[in-house]
Amino acid sequence: MTAITNDDLNQLWKALRILGWSAVALILLAPAVAMQLTDEVNWTASDFVFAGILLIGGAAVIEVVAWKVRNPVVRIGFALFIITIVALVWIEGAVGIFH
């Protein structure tokens, strides 16, 4: 059995960062592509601005905390917390389930 080193955790975190920022880009790109293919998706510029602020802001908060916190369990837990908050705000903006 091999021990997990700090270098292994750093490599994992780098991969997760790339995956996270790629997800942000793909989520923002999906409605733009869908608008070209169907009339069912009709986003305005303000929708894209709202989504961009929400997604990029959430990812930036995760990045800042990741720089400050060295414990990988706390990093992942905080990232999941922020992702949950962003998802709830996104859902509320999309369908308004909380009012």
C-alpha atoms as a PDB file:
ATOM      1  CA  MET A   1       0.000   0.000   0.000  1.00  0.00           C
ATOM      2  CA  THR A   2       1.418   3.382  -0.922  1.00  0.00           C
ATOM      3  CA  ALA A   3       0.954   6.591   0.993  1.00  0.00           C
ATOM      4  CA  ILE A   4      -0.645   9.626  -0.592  1.00  0.00           C
ATOM      5  CA  THR A   5       1.841  12.475  -0.668  1.00  0.00           C
ATOM      6  CA  ASN A   6       1.282  16.219  -0.790  1.00  0.00           C
ATOM      7  CA  ASP A   7       2.532  16.133  -4.376  1.00  0.00           C
ATOM      8  CA  ASP A   8      -0.223  13.645  -5.250  1.00  0.00           C
ATOM      9  CA  LEU A   9      -2.833  15.896  -3.635  1.00  0.00           C
ATOM     10  CA  ASN A  10      -1.488  18.933  -5.493  1.00  0.00           C
ATOM     11  CA  GLN A  11      -1.719  17.068  -8.801  1.00  0.00           C
ATOM     12  CA  LEU A  12      -5.289  16.048  -7.972  1.00  0.00           C
ATOM     13  CA  TRP A  13      -6.214  19.620  -7.073  1.00  0.00           C
ATOM     14  CA  LYS A  14      -4.709  20.903 -10.351  1.00  0.00           C
ATOM     15  CA  ALA A  15      -6.805  18.394 -12.295  1.00  0.00           C
ATOM     16  CA  LEU A  16      -9.930  19.382 -10.365  1.00  0.00           C
ATOM     17  CA  ARG A  17      -9.238  23.083 -11.060  1.00  0.00           C
ATOM     18  CA  ILE A  18      -8.986  22.440 -14.791  1.00  0.00           C
ATOM     19  CA  LEU A  19     -12.155  20.350 -14.665  1.00  0.00           C
ATOM     20  CA  GLY A  20     -14.000  23.043 -12.700  1.00  0.00           C
ATOM     21  CA  TRP A  21     -13.079  25.951 -14.977  1.00  0.00           C
ATOM     22  CA  SER A  22     -13.867  23.791 -18.021  1.00  0.00           C
ATOM     23  CA  ALA A  23     -17.300  23.051 -16.546  1.00  0.00           C
ATOM     24  CA  VAL A  24     -17.913  26.791 -16.066  1.00  0.00           C
ATOM     25  CA  ALA A  25     -17.017  27.446 -19.703  1.00  0.00           C
ATOM     26  CA  LEU A  26     -19.168  24.584 -20.998  1.00  0.00           C
ATOM     27  CA  ILE A  27     -22.176  25.592 -18.899  1.00  0.00           C
ATOM     28  CA  LEU A  28     -21.952  29.138 -20.260  1.00  0.00           C
ATOM     29  CA  LEU A  29     -21.431  27.885 -23.808  1.00  0.00           C
ATOM     30  CA  ALA A  30     -24.324  25.377 -23.799  1.00  0.00           C
ATOM     31  CA  PRO A  31     -27.194  27.908 -24.042  1.00  0.00           C
ATOM     32  CA  ALA A  32     -25.369  29.873 -26.741  1.00  0.00           C
ATOM     33  CA  VAL A  33     -25.049  26.723 -28.844  1.00  0.00           C
ATOM     34  CA  ALA A  34     -28.619  25.636 -28.055  1.00  0.00           C
ATOM     35  CA  MET A  35     -29.944  29.015 -29.189  1.00  0.00           C
ATOM     36  CA  GLN A  36     -28.422  28.353 -32.604  1.00  0.00           C
ATOM     37  CA  LEU A  37     -30.101  24.960 -32.882  1.00  0.00           C
ATOM     38  CA  THR A  38     -33.588  25.541 -31.480  1.00  0.00           C
ATOM     39  CA  ASP A  39     -36.107  28.231 -30.655  1.00  0.00           C
ATOM     40  CA  GLU A  40     -36.795  26.593 -27.272  1.00  0.00           C
ATOM     41  CA  VAL A  41     -33.785  28.348 -25.697  1.00  0.00           C
ATOM     42  CA  ASN A  42     -34.070  32.128 -25.655  1.00  0.00           C
ATOM     43  CA  TRP A  43     -31.468  33.743 -23.408  1.00  0.00           C
ATOM     44  CA  THR A  44     -30.906  37.493 -23.379  1.00  0.00           C
ATOM     45  CA  ALA A  45     -27.631  39.255 -22.716  1.00  0.00           C
ATOM     46  CA  SER A  46     -28.681  39.797 -19.110  1.00  0.00           C
ATOM     47  CA  ASP A  47     -29.191  36.034 -18.706  1.00  0.00           C
ATOM     48  CA  PHE A  48     -25.619  35.428 -19.846  1.00  0.00           C
ATOM     49  CA  VAL A  49     -24.313  38.178 -17.549  1.00  0.00           C
ATOM     50  CA  PHE A  50     -26.194  36.712 -14.570  1.00  0.00           C
ATOM     51  CA  ALA A  51     -24.956  33.195 -15.341  1.00  0.00           C
ATOM     52  CA  GLY A  52     -21.403  34.421 -15.865  1.00  0.00           C
ATOM     53  CA  ILE A  53     -21.314  36.342 -12.598  1.00  0.00           C
ATOM     54  CA  LEU A  54     -22.827  33.411 -10.731  1.00  0.00           C
ATOM     55  CA  LEU A  55     -20.564  30.722 -12.188  1.00  0.00           C
ATOM     56  CA  ILE A  56     -17.328  32.684 -12.390  1.00  0.00           C
ATOM     57  CA  GLY A  57     -17.942  34.220  -8.966  1.00  0.00           C
ATOM     58  CA  GLY A  58     -18.534  30.821  -7.398  1.00  0.00           C
ATOM     59  CA  ALA A  59     -15.448  29.360  -9.043  1.00  0.00           C
ATOM     60  CA  ALA A  60     -13.363  32.345  -7.955  1.00  0.00           C
ATOM     61  CA  VAL A  61     -14.495  31.928  -4.331  1.00  0.00           C
ATOM     62  CA  ILE A  62     -13.482  28.263  -4.500  1.00  0.00           C
ATOM     63  CA  GLU A  63     -10.075  29.273  -5.889  1.00  0.00           C
ATOM     64  CA  VAL A  64      -9.443  31.838  -3.147  1.00  0.00           C
ATOM     65  CA  VAL A  65     -10.352  29.392  -0.397  1.00  0.00           C
ATOM     66  CA  ALA A  66      -8.236  26.689  -2.019  1.00  0.00           C
ATOM     67  CA  TRP A  67      -5.196  28.988  -1.915  1.00  0.00           C
ATOM     68  CA  LYS A  68      -5.723  29.690   1.787  1.00  0.00           C
ATOM     69  CA  VAL A  69      -6.782  26.250   3.060  1.00  0.00           C
ATOM     70  CA  ARG A  70      -4.293  23.390   2.879  1.00  0.00           C
ATOM     71  CA  ASN A  71      -6.474  20.605   4.285  1.00  0.00           C
ATOM     72  CA  PRO A  72      -7.836  18.708   1.242  1.00  0.00           C
ATOM     73  CA  VAL A  73     -10.957  17.548   3.076  1.00  0.00           C
ATOM     74  CA  VAL A  74     -11.870  21.130   3.966  1.00  0.00           C
ATOM     75  CA  ARG A  75     -11.098  22.254   0.398  1.00  0.00           C
ATOM     76  CA  ILE A  76     -13.398  19.660  -1.126  1.00  0.00           C
ATOM     77  CA  GLY A  77     -16.105  20.233   1.458  1.00  0.00           C
ATOM     78  CA  PHE A  78     -16.073  23.978   0.873  1.00  0.00           C
ATOM     79  CA  ALA A  79     -16.074  23.476  -2.904  1.00  0.00           C
ATOM     80  CA  LEU A  80     -19.120  21.217  -2.630  1.00  0.00           C
ATOM     81  CA  PHE A  81     -20.826  23.796  -0.406  1.00  0.00           C
ATOM     82  CA  ILE A  82     -20.245  26.597  -2.959  1.00  0.00           C
ATOM     83  CA  ILE A  83     -21.349  24.367  -5.839  1.00  0.00           C
ATOM     84  CA  THR A  84     -24.561  23.606  -3.924  1.00  0.00           C
ATOM     85  CA  ILE A  85     -25.244  27.307  -3.303  1.00  0.00           C
ATOM     86  CA  VAL A  86     -24.598  28.160  -6.973  1.00  0.00           C
ATOM     87  CA  ALA A  87     -26.914  25.321  -8.067  1.00  0.00           C
ATOM     88  CA  LEU A  88     -29.695  26.521  -5.753  1.00  0.00           C
ATOM     89  CA  VAL A  89     -29.413  30.098  -7.026  1.00  0.00           C
ATOM     90  CA  TRP A  90     -29.369  28.800 -10.626  1.00  0.00           C
ATOM     91  CA  ILE A  91     -32.487  26.690 -10.012  1.00  0.00           C
ATOM     92  CA  GLU A  92     -34.286  29.595  -8.354  1.00  0.00           C
ATOM     93  CA  GLY A  93     -33.415  31.841 -11.299  1.00  0.00           C
ATOM     94  CA  ALA A  94     -34.599  29.236 -13.781  1.00  0.00           C
ATOM     95  CA  VAL A  95     -37.895  28.110 -12.303  1.00  0.00           C
ATOM     96  CA  GLY A  96     -38.508  30.033  -9.069  1.00  0.00           C
ATOM     97  CA  ILE A  97     -39.189  27.095  -6.773  1.00  0.00           C
ATOM     98  CA  PHE A  98     -38.618  28.984  -3.507  1.00  0.00           C
ATOM     99  CA  HIS A  99     -41.421  31.508  -3.718  1.00  0.00           C
END
